Amino acid sequence: MDVNNEYTSQANKTNIDFFAFTWGYLHVDDPEFLGVCGLLGKKSNHLIKTATGNDGIISYSYESNSDGYPTKITRSQTPAHNPATTYQITYS
């Protein structure tokens, strides 16, 4: 499957690749899980805006706190195979 990713200008300040979680292919027992934490390869320096592939376009929008860390990610897909999903992120 070919996927073309477009990124925002907003820096990904976290050490987590949120895209891997929200894409829907990632499970804890899969090798890709290591990549989410930066243990395989290099995570993106910026937050993903869209992923265009064979199944359509997945779009992401973000809300961030005053320090620039994302606190809410909304994922939607065109054509809409599933309703939009919103992820709430809390830092401690």
PDB file of N, CA and C in Angstrom:
ATOM      1  N   MET A   1       0.839  -1.175   0.000  1.00  0.00           N
ATOM      2  CA  MET A   1       0.000   0.000   0.000  1.00  0.00           C
ATOM      3  C   MET A   1       0.882   1.235   0.000  1.00  0.00           C
ATOM      4  N   ASP A   2       0.616   2.149  -0.883  1.00  0.00           N
ATOM      5  CA  ASP A   2       1.342   3.411  -0.938  1.00  0.00           C
ATOM      6  C   ASP A   2       0.571   4.470  -0.164  1.00  0.00           C
ATOM      7  N   VAL A   3       1.274   5.216   0.669  1.00  0.00           N
ATOM      8  CA  VAL A   3       0.666   6.294   1.447  1.00  0.00           C
ATOM      9  C   VAL A   3       1.526   7.534   1.290  1.00  0.00           C
ATOM     10  N   ASN A   4       0.899   8.659   1.000  1.00  0.00           N
ATOM     11  CA  ASN A   4       1.592   9.930   0.899  1.00  0.00           C
ATOM     12  C   ASN A   4       1.197  10.768   2.111  1.00  0.00           C
ATOM     13  N   ASN A   5       2.153  11.115   2.941  1.00  0.00           N
ATOM     14  CA  ASN A   5       1.884  11.892   4.151  1.00  0.00           C
ATOM     15  C   ASN A   5       2.234  13.359   3.932  1.00  0.00           C
ATOM     16  N   GLU A   6       1.369  14.228   4.438  1.00  0.00           N
ATOM     17  CA  GLU A   6       1.636  15.664   4.468  1.00  0.00           C
ATOM     18  C   GLU A   6       1.654  16.071   5.934  1.00  0.00           C
ATOM     19  N   TYR A   7       2.574  16.946   6.306  1.00  0.00           N
ATOM     20  CA  TYR A   7       2.762  17.303   7.707  1.00  0.00           C
ATOM     21  C   TYR A   7       2.433  18.767   7.952  1.00  0.00           C
ATOM     22  N   THR A   8       2.054  19.071   9.190  1.00  0.00           N
ATOM     23  CA  THR A   8       1.810  20.449   9.596  1.00  0.00           C
ATOM     24  C   THR A   8       3.144  21.136   9.858  1.00  0.00           C
ATOM     25  N   SER A   9       3.098  22.415  10.133  1.00  0.00           N
ATOM     26  CA  SER A   9       4.310  23.129  10.528  1.00  0.00           C
ATOM     27  C   SER A   9       4.523  23.046  12.040  1.00  0.00           C
ATOM     28  N   GLN A  10       3.561  22.438  12.753  1.00  0.00           N
ATOM     29  CA  GLN A  10       3.651  22.313  14.212  1.00  0.00           C
ATOM     30  C   GLN A  10       4.612  21.184  14.584  1.00  0.00           C
ATOM     31  N   ALA A  11       5.612  21.503  15.379  1.00  0.00           N
ATOM     32  CA  ALA A  11       6.600  20.513  15.801  1.00  0.00           C
ATOM     33  C   ALA A  11       5.957  19.454  16.690  1.00  0.00           C
ATOM     34  N   ASN A  12       6.398  18.209  16.516  1.00  0.00           N
ATOM     35  CA  ASN A  12       5.974  17.127  17.394  1.00  0.00           C
ATOM     36  C   ASN A  12       6.950  17.093  18.557  1.00  0.00           C
ATOM     37  N   LYS A  13       6.585  17.750  19.651  1.00  0.00           N
ATOM     38  CA  LYS A  13       7.479  17.893  20.800  1.00  0.00           C
ATOM     39  C   LYS A  13       7.520  16.638  21.667  1.00  0.00           C
ATOM     40  N   THR A  14       6.613  15.707  21.446  1.00  0.00           N
ATOM     41  CA  THR A  14       6.554  14.510  22.284  1.00  0.00           C
ATOM     42  C   THR A  14       7.546  13.472  21.796  1.00  0.00           C
ATOM     43  N   ASN A  15       7.735  12.441  22.593  1.00  0.00           N
ATOM     44  CA  ASN A  15       8.575  11.323  22.160  1.00  0.00           C
ATOM     45  C   ASN A  15       7.709  10.180  21.634  1.00  0.00           C
ATOM     46  N   ILE A  16       6.461  10.477  21.290  1.00  0.00           N
ATOM     47  CA  ILE A  16       5.511   9.474  20.801  1.00  0.00           C
ATOM     48  C   ILE A  16       5.093   9.835  19.384  1.00  0.00           C
ATOM     49  N   ASP A  17       5.022   8.826  18.531  1.00  0.00           N
ATOM     50  CA  ASP A  17       4.511   9.024  17.175  1.00  0.00           C
ATOM     51  C   ASP A  17       3.008   8.763  17.207  1.00  0.00           C
ATOM     52  N   PHE A  18       2.217   9.825  17.413  1.00  0.00           N
ATOM     53  CA  PHE A  18       0.767   9.679  17.530  1.00  0.00           C
ATOM     54  C   PHE A  18       0.144   9.071  16.278  1.00  0.00           C
ATOM     55  N   PHE A  19       0.752   9.314  15.133  1.00  0.00           N
ATOM     56  CA  PHE A  19       0.211   8.809  13.882  1.00  0.00           C
ATOM     57  C   PHE A  19       0.083   7.288  13.898  1.00  0.00           C
ATOM     58  N   ALA A  20       1.051   6.595  14.463  1.00  0.00           N
ATOM     59  CA  ALA A  20       1.018   5.138  14.499  1.00  0.00           C
ATOM     60  C   ALA A  20      -0.179   4.632  15.298  1.00  0.00           C
ATOM     61  N   PHE A  21      -0.512   5.312  16.389  1.00  0.00           N
ATOM     62  CA  PHE A  21      -1.677   4.907  17.174  1.00  0.00           C
ATOM     63  C   PHE A  21      -2.975   5.192  16.430  1.00  0.00           C
ATOM     64  N   THR A  22      -3.075   6.353  15.840  1.00  0.00           N
ATOM     65  CA  THR A  22      -4.340   6.757  15.225  1.00  0.00           C
ATOM     66  C   THR A  22      -4.567   6.115  13.864  1.00  0.00           C
ATOM     67  N   TRP A  23      -3.526   5.573  13.244  1.00  0.00           N
ATOM     68  CA  TRP A  23      -3.669   4.940  11.929  1.00  0.00           C
ATOM     69  C   TRP A  23      -4.520   3.688  12.027  1.00  0.00           C
ATOM     70  N   GLY A  24      -4.453   2.979  13.156  1.00  0.00           N
ATOM     71  CA  GLY A  24      -5.298   1.824  13.366  1.00  0.00           C
ATOM     72  C   GLY A  24      -4.639   0.489  13.082  1.00  0.00           C
ATOM     73  N   TYR A  25      -3.388   0.472  12.653  1.00  0.00           N
ATOM     74  CA  TYR A  25      -2.722  -0.796  12.371  1.00  0.00           C
ATOM     75  C   TYR A  25      -1.874  -1.268  13.532  1.00  0.00           C
ATOM     76  N   LEU A  26      -1.694  -0.435  14.514  1.00  0.00           N
ATOM     77  CA  LEU A  26      -0.726  -0.708  15.566  1.00  0.00           C
ATOM     78  C   LEU A  26      -1.345  -1.482  16.722  1.00  0.00           C
ATOM     79  N   HIS A  27      -0.690  -2.524  17.132  1.00  0.00           N
ATOM     80  CA  HIS A  27      -1.072  -3.301  18.306  1.00  0.00           C
ATOM     81  C   HIS A  27       0.184  -3.527  19.126  1.00  0.00           C
ATOM     82  N   VAL A  28       0.028  -3.659  20.428  1.00  0.00           N
ATOM     83  CA  VAL A  28       1.189  -3.770  21.315  1.00  0.00           C
ATOM     84  C   VAL A  28       2.078  -4.953  20.945  1.00  0.00           C
ATOM     85  N   ASP A  29       1.501  -6.030  20.409  1.00  0.00           N
ATOM     86  CA  ASP A  29       2.307  -7.201  20.092  1.00  0.00           C
ATOM     87  C   ASP A  29       2.934  -7.134  18.699  1.00  0.00           C
ATOM     88  N   ASP A  30       2.723  -6.057  17.960  1.00  0.00           N
ATOM     89  CA  ASP A  30       3.318  -5.889  16.639  1.00  0.00           C
ATOM     90  C   ASP A  30       4.682  -5.207  16.746  1.00  0.00           C
ATOM     91  N   PRO A  31       5.606  -5.512  15.843  1.00  0.00           N
ATOM     92  CA  PRO A  31       6.929  -4.856  15.881  1.00  0.00           C
ATOM     93  C   PRO A  31       6.841  -3.343  15.705  1.00  0.00           C
ATOM     94  N   GLU A  32       5.791  -2.843  15.025  1.00  0.00           N
ATOM     95  CA  GLU A  32       5.658  -1.399  14.814  1.00  0.00           C
ATOM     96  C   GLU A  32       5.559  -0.645  16.141  1.00  0.00           C
ATOM     97  N   PHE A  33       5.131  -1.352  17.197  1.00  0.00           N
ATOM     98  CA  PHE A  33       4.994  -0.716  18.508  1.00  0.00           C
ATOM     99  C   PHE A  33       6.320  -0.105  18.954  1.00  0.00           C
ATOM    100  N   LEU A  34       7.424  -0.730  18.624  1.00  0.00           N
ATOM    101  CA  LEU A  34       8.735  -0.211  19.005  1.00  0.00           C
ATOM    102  C   LEU A  34       9.016   1.130  18.336  1.00  0.00           C
ATOM    103  N   GLY A  35       8.496   1.310  17.129  1.00  0.00           N
ATOM    104  CA  GLY A  35       8.701   2.559  16.417  1.00  0.00           C
ATOM    105  C   GLY A  35       7.973   3.734  17.032  1.00  0.00           C
ATOM    106  N   VAL A  36       6.845   3.472  17.691  1.00  0.00           N
ATOM    107  CA  VAL A  36       6.071   4.541  18.323  1.00  0.00           C
ATOM    108  C   VAL A  36       6.892   5.246  19.385  1.00  0.00           C
ATOM    109  N   CYS A  37       7.715   4.515  20.074  1.00  0.00           N
ATOM    110  CA  CYS A  37       8.531   5.070  21.162  1.00  0.00           C
ATOM    111  C   CYS A  37       9.918   5.465  20.692  1.00  0.00           C
ATOM    112  N   GLY A  38      10.152   5.457  19.385  1.00  0.00           N
ATOM    113  CA  GLY A  38      11.439   5.868  18.856  1.00  0.00           C
ATOM    114  C   GLY A  38      12.522   4.814  18.952  1.00  0.00           C
ATOM    115  N   LEU A  39      12.124   3.553  19.149  1.00  0.00           N
ATOM    116  CA  LEU A  39      13.119   2.495  19.261  1.00  0.00           C
ATOM    117  C   LEU A  39      13.489   1.890  17.912  1.00  0.00           C
ATOM    118  N   LEU A  40      12.705   2.183  16.880  1.00  0.00           N
ATOM    119  CA  LEU A  40      13.013   1.733  15.514  1.00  0.00           C
ATOM    120  C   LEU A  40      12.846   2.923  14.595  1.00  0.00           C
ATOM    121  N   GLY A  41      13.877   3.309  13.928  1.00  0.00           N
ATOM    122  CA  GLY A  41      13.765   4.421  12.989  1.00  0.00           C
ATOM    123  C   GLY A  41      13.597   5.758  13.691  1.00  0.00           C
ATOM    124  N   LYS A  42      13.150   6.738  12.941  1.00  0.00           N
ATOM    125  CA  LYS A  42      13.036   8.102  13.438  1.00  0.00           C
ATOM    126  C   LYS A  42      11.604   8.576  13.271  1.00  0.00           C
ATOM    127  N   LYS A  43      11.020   9.130  14.322  1.00  0.00           N
ATOM    128  CA  LYS A  43       9.668   9.663  14.231  1.00  0.00           C
ATOM    129  C   LYS A  43       9.692  10.994  13.495  1.00  0.00           C
ATOM    130  N   SER A  44       8.540  11.407  13.029  1.00  0.00           N
ATOM    131  CA  SER A  44       8.438  12.666  12.313  1.00  0.00           C
ATOM    132  C   SER A  44       8.727  13.837  13.249  1.00  0.00           C
ATOM    133  N   ASN A  45       9.344  14.874  12.722  1.00  0.00           N
ATOM    134  CA  ASN A  45       9.597  16.086  13.499  1.00  0.00           C
ATOM    135  C   ASN A  45       8.354  16.953  13.625  1.00  0.00           C
ATOM    136  N   HIS A  46       7.365  16.722  12.776  1.00  0.00           N
ATOM    137  CA  HIS A  46       6.141  17.519  12.774  1.00  0.00           C
ATOM    138  C   HIS A  46       4.919  16.614  12.856  1.00  0.00           C
ATOM    139  N   LEU A  47       3.804  17.192  13.285  1.00  0.00           N
ATOM    140  CA  LEU A  47       2.564  16.437  13.384  1.00  0.00           C
ATOM    141  C   LEU A  47       1.983  16.223  11.993  1.00  0.00           C
ATOM    142  N   ILE A  48       1.406  15.056  11.786  1.00  0.00           N
ATOM    143  CA  ILE A  48       0.870  14.722  10.475  1.00  0.00           C
ATOM    144  C   ILE A  48      -0.437  15.474  10.223  1.00  0.00           C
ATOM    145  N   LYS A  49      -0.619  15.922   8.999  1.00  0.00           N
ATOM    146  CA  LYS A  49      -1.829  16.648   8.597  1.00  0.00           C
ATOM    147  C   LYS A  49      -2.771  15.728   7.833  1.00  0.00           C
ATOM    148  N   THR A  50      -2.249  15.031   6.808  1.00  0.00           N
ATOM    149  CA  THR A  50      -3.066  14.094   6.029  1.00  0.00           C
ATOM    150  C   THR A  50      -2.230  12.892   5.613  1.00  0.00           C
ATOM    151  N   ALA A  51      -2.918  11.778   5.442  1.00  0.00           N
ATOM    152  CA  ALA A  51      -2.326  10.565   4.884  1.00  0.00           C
ATOM    153  C   ALA A  51      -3.234  10.138   3.741  1.00  0.00           C
ATOM    154  N   THR A  52      -2.713  10.168   2.522  1.00  0.00           N
ATOM    155  CA  THR A  52      -3.483   9.810   1.345  1.00  0.00           C
ATOM    156  C   THR A  52      -3.012   8.455   0.854  1.00  0.00           C
ATOM    157  N   GLY A  53      -3.958   7.522   0.738  1.00  0.00           N
ATOM    158  CA  GLY A  53      -3.617   6.176   0.304  1.00  0.00           C
ATOM    159  C   GLY A  53      -4.718   5.561  -0.529  1.00  0.00           C
ATOM    160  N   ASN A  54      -4.648   4.261  -0.694  1.00  0.00           N
ATOM    161  CA  ASN A  54      -5.600   3.529  -1.520  1.00  0.00           C
ATOM    162  C   ASN A  54      -7.035   3.632  -1.003  1.00  0.00           C
ATOM    163  N   ASP A  55      -7.202   3.799   0.302  1.00  0.00           N
ATOM    164  CA  ASP A  55      -8.536   3.851   0.905  1.00  0.00           C
ATOM    165  C   ASP A  55      -9.081   5.262   1.049  1.00  0.00           C
ATOM    166  N   GLY A  56      -8.378   6.262   0.558  1.00  0.00           N
ATOM    167  CA  GLY A  56      -8.850   7.637   0.665  1.00  0.00           C
ATOM    168  C   GLY A  56      -7.874   8.513   1.422  1.00  0.00           C
ATOM    169  N   ILE A  57      -8.416   9.518   2.079  1.00  0.00           N
ATOM    170  CA  ILE A  57      -7.608  10.503   2.799  1.00  0.00           C
ATOM    171  C   ILE A  57      -7.990  10.485   4.272  1.00  0.00           C
ATOM    172  N   ILE A  58      -6.983  10.395   5.119  1.00  0.00           N
ATOM    173  CA  ILE A  58      -7.190  10.522   6.564  1.00  0.00           C
ATOM    174  C   ILE A  58      -6.626  11.875   6.961  1.00  0.00           C
ATOM    175  N   SER A  59      -7.456  12.685   7.617  1.00  0.00           N
ATOM    176  CA  SER A  59      -7.061  14.035   8.029  1.00  0.00           C
ATOM    177  C   SER A  59      -6.986  14.113   9.545  1.00  0.00           C
ATOM    178  N   TYR A  60      -6.063  14.940  10.017  1.00  0.00           N
ATOM    179  CA  TYR A  60      -5.847  15.121  11.451  1.00  0.00           C
ATOM    180  C   TYR A  60      -5.919  16.599  11.795  1.00  0.00           C
ATOM    181  N   SER A  61      -6.570  16.900  12.913  1.00  0.00           N
ATOM    182  CA  SER A  61      -6.544  18.260  13.436  1.00  0.00           C
ATOM    183  C   SER A  61      -6.162  18.177  14.911  1.00  0.00           C
ATOM    184  N   TYR A  62      -5.599  19.272  15.418  1.00  0.00           N
ATOM    185  CA  TYR A  62      -5.002  19.248  16.755  1.00  0.00           C
ATOM    186  C   TYR A  62      -5.437  20.452  17.578  1.00  0.00           C
ATOM    187  N   GLU A  63      -5.515  20.220  18.887  1.00  0.00           N
ATOM    188  CA  GLU A  63      -5.574  21.300  19.867  1.00  0.00           C
ATOM    189  C   GLU A  63      -4.358  21.098  20.755  1.00  0.00           C
ATOM    190  N   SER A  64      -3.691  22.192  21.098  1.00  0.00           N
ATOM    191  CA  SER A  64      -2.460  22.087  21.881  1.00  0.00           C
ATOM    192  C   SER A  64      -2.540  22.953  23.132  1.00  0.00           C
ATOM    193  N   ASN A  65      -1.726  22.600  24.131  1.00  0.00           N
ATOM    194  CA  ASN A  65      -1.655  23.423  25.334  1.00  0.00           C
ATOM    195  C   ASN A  65      -0.712  24.596  25.090  1.00  0.00           C
ATOM    196  N   SER A  66      -0.508  25.414  26.091  1.00  0.00           N
ATOM    197  CA  SER A  66       0.304  26.626  25.933  1.00  0.00           C
ATOM    198  C   SER A  66       1.775  26.320  25.648  1.00  0.00           C
ATOM    199  N   ASP A  67       2.213  25.096  25.952  1.00  0.00           N
ATOM    200  CA  ASP A  67       3.592  24.698  25.682  1.00  0.00           C
ATOM    201  C   ASP A  67       3.762  24.063  24.302  1.00  0.00           C
ATOM    202  N   GLY A  68       2.676  23.948  23.541  1.00  0.00           N
ATOM    203  CA  GLY A  68       2.752  23.390  22.195  1.00  0.00           C
ATOM    204  C   GLY A  68       2.596  21.888  22.109  1.00  0.00           C
ATOM    205  N   TYR A  69       2.219  21.240  23.219  1.00  0.00           N
ATOM    206  CA  TYR A  69       1.993  19.793  23.209  1.00  0.00           C
ATOM    207  C   TYR A  69       0.536  19.512  22.840  1.00  0.00           C
ATOM    208  N   PRO A  70       0.293  18.573  21.918  1.00  0.00           N
ATOM    209  CA  PRO A  70      -1.095  18.288  21.551  1.00  0.00           C
ATOM    210  C   PRO A  70      -1.879  17.710  22.724  1.00  0.00           C
ATOM    211  N   THR A  71      -3.082  18.228  22.933  1.00  0.00           N
ATOM    212  CA  THR A  71      -3.959  17.735  23.989  1.00  0.00           C
ATOM    213  C   THR A  71      -5.192  17.046  23.421  1.00  0.00           C
ATOM    214  N   LYS A  72      -5.447  17.284  22.133  1.00  0.00           N
ATOM    215  CA  LYS A  72      -6.573  16.638  21.477  1.00  0.00           C
ATOM    216  C   LYS A  72      -6.227  16.426  20.013  1.00  0.00           C
ATOM    217  N   ILE A  73      -6.465  15.210  19.518  1.00  0.00           N
ATOM    218  CA  ILE A  73      -6.262  14.884  18.109  1.00  0.00           C
ATOM    219  C   ILE A  73      -7.581  14.368  17.560  1.00  0.00           C
ATOM    220  N   THR A  74      -8.035  14.940  16.457  1.00  0.00           N
ATOM    221  CA  THR A  74      -9.238  14.447  15.791  1.00  0.00           C
ATOM    222  C   THR A  74      -8.829  13.858  14.448  1.00  0.00           C
ATOM    223  N   ARG A  75      -9.272  12.626  14.213  1.00  0.00           N
ATOM    224  CA  ARG A  75      -8.953  11.882  12.991  1.00  0.00           C
ATOM    225  C   ARG A  75     -10.243  11.654  12.218  1.00  0.00           C
ATOM    226  N   SER A  76     -10.255  12.030  10.940  1.00  0.00           N
ATOM    227  CA  SER A  76     -11.419  11.780  10.093  1.00  0.00           C
ATOM    228  C   SER A  76     -10.950  11.224   8.759  1.00  0.00           C
ATOM    229  N   GLN A  77     -11.846  10.505   8.081  1.00  0.00           N
ATOM    230  CA  GLN A  77     -11.468   9.838   6.844  1.00  0.00           C
ATOM    231  C   GLN A  77     -12.455  10.174   5.727  1.00  0.00           C
ATOM    232  N   THR A  78     -11.920  10.345   4.508  1.00  0.00           N
ATOM    233  CA  THR A  78     -12.729  10.567   3.316  1.00  0.00           C
ATOM    234  C   THR A  78     -12.355   9.506   2.295  1.00  0.00           C
ATOM    235  N   PRO A  79     -13.285   8.704   1.766  1.00  0.00           N
ATOM    236  CA  PRO A  79     -14.687   8.656   2.173  1.00  0.00           C
ATOM    237  C   PRO A  79     -14.814   8.141   3.604  1.00  0.00           C
ATOM    238  N   ALA A  80     -15.898   8.530   4.240  1.00  0.00           N
ATOM    239  CA  ALA A  80     -16.104   8.257   5.667  1.00  0.00           C
ATOM    240  C   ALA A  80     -16.496   6.804   5.900  1.00  0.00           C
ATOM    241  N   HIS A  81     -15.476   5.936   6.084  1.00  0.00           N
ATOM    242  CA  HIS A  81     -15.740   4.533   6.412  1.00  0.00           C
ATOM    243  C   HIS A  81     -16.156   4.407   7.873  1.00  0.00           C
ATOM    244  N   ASN A  82     -15.660   5.290   8.696  1.00  0.00           N
ATOM    245  CA  ASN A  82     -15.962   5.310  10.127  1.00  0.00           C
ATOM    246  C   ASN A  82     -16.183   6.758  10.551  1.00  0.00           C
ATOM    247  N   PRO A  83     -16.913   6.958  11.647  1.00  0.00           N
ATOM    248  CA  PRO A  83     -17.062   8.341  12.130  1.00  0.00           C
ATOM    249  C   PRO A  83     -15.721   8.895  12.613  1.00  0.00           C
ATOM    250  N   ALA A  84     -15.633  10.207  12.681  1.00  0.00           N
ATOM    251  CA  ALA A  84     -14.412  10.850  13.184  1.00  0.00           C
ATOM    252  C   ALA A  84     -14.150  10.380  14.610  1.00  0.00           C
ATOM    253  N   THR A  85     -12.876  10.275  14.937  1.00  0.00           N
ATOM    254  CA  THR A  85     -12.461   9.841  16.267  1.00  0.00           C
ATOM    255  C   THR A  85     -11.629  10.941  16.893  1.00  0.00           C
ATOM    256  N   THR A  86     -11.884  11.236  18.167  1.00  0.00           N
ATOM    257  CA  THR A  86     -11.109  12.239  18.888  1.00  0.00           C
ATOM    258  C   THR A  86     -10.369  11.571  20.031  1.00  0.00           C
ATOM    259  N   TYR A  87      -9.076  11.857  20.122  1.00  0.00           N
ATOM    260  CA  TYR A  87      -8.222  11.332  21.182  1.00  0.00           C
ATOM    261  C   TYR A  87      -7.867  12.481  22.117  1.00  0.00           C
ATOM    262  N   GLN A  88      -8.104  12.298  23.410  1.00  0.00           N
ATOM    263  CA  GLN A  88      -7.765  13.289  24.429  1.00  0.00           C
ATOM    264  C   GLN A  88      -6.452  12.861  25.077  1.00  0.00           C
ATOM    265  N   ILE A  89      -5.489  13.766  25.190  1.00  0.00           N
ATOM    266  CA  ILE A  89      -4.176  13.443  25.735  1.00  0.00           C
ATOM    267  C   ILE A  89      -3.941  14.256  26.996  1.00  0.00           C
ATOM    268  N   THR A  90      -3.521  13.576  28.045  1.00  0.00           N
ATOM    269  CA  THR A  90      -3.228  14.231  29.314  1.00  0.00           C
ATOM    270  C   THR A  90      -1.765  13.964  29.671  1.00  0.00           C
ATOM    271  N   TYR A  91      -1.053  15.001  30.056  1.00  0.00           N
ATOM    272  CA  TYR A  91       0.337  14.888  30.450  1.00  0.00           C
ATOM    273  C   TYR A  91       0.435  15.049  31.959  1.00  0.00           C
ATOM    274  N   SER A  92       1.338  14.273  32.556  1.00  0.00           N
ATOM    275  CA  SER A  92       1.521  14.427  34.013  1.00  0.00           C
ATOM    276  C   SER A  92       2.983  14.537  34.368  1.00  0.00           C
TER     277      SER A  92
END
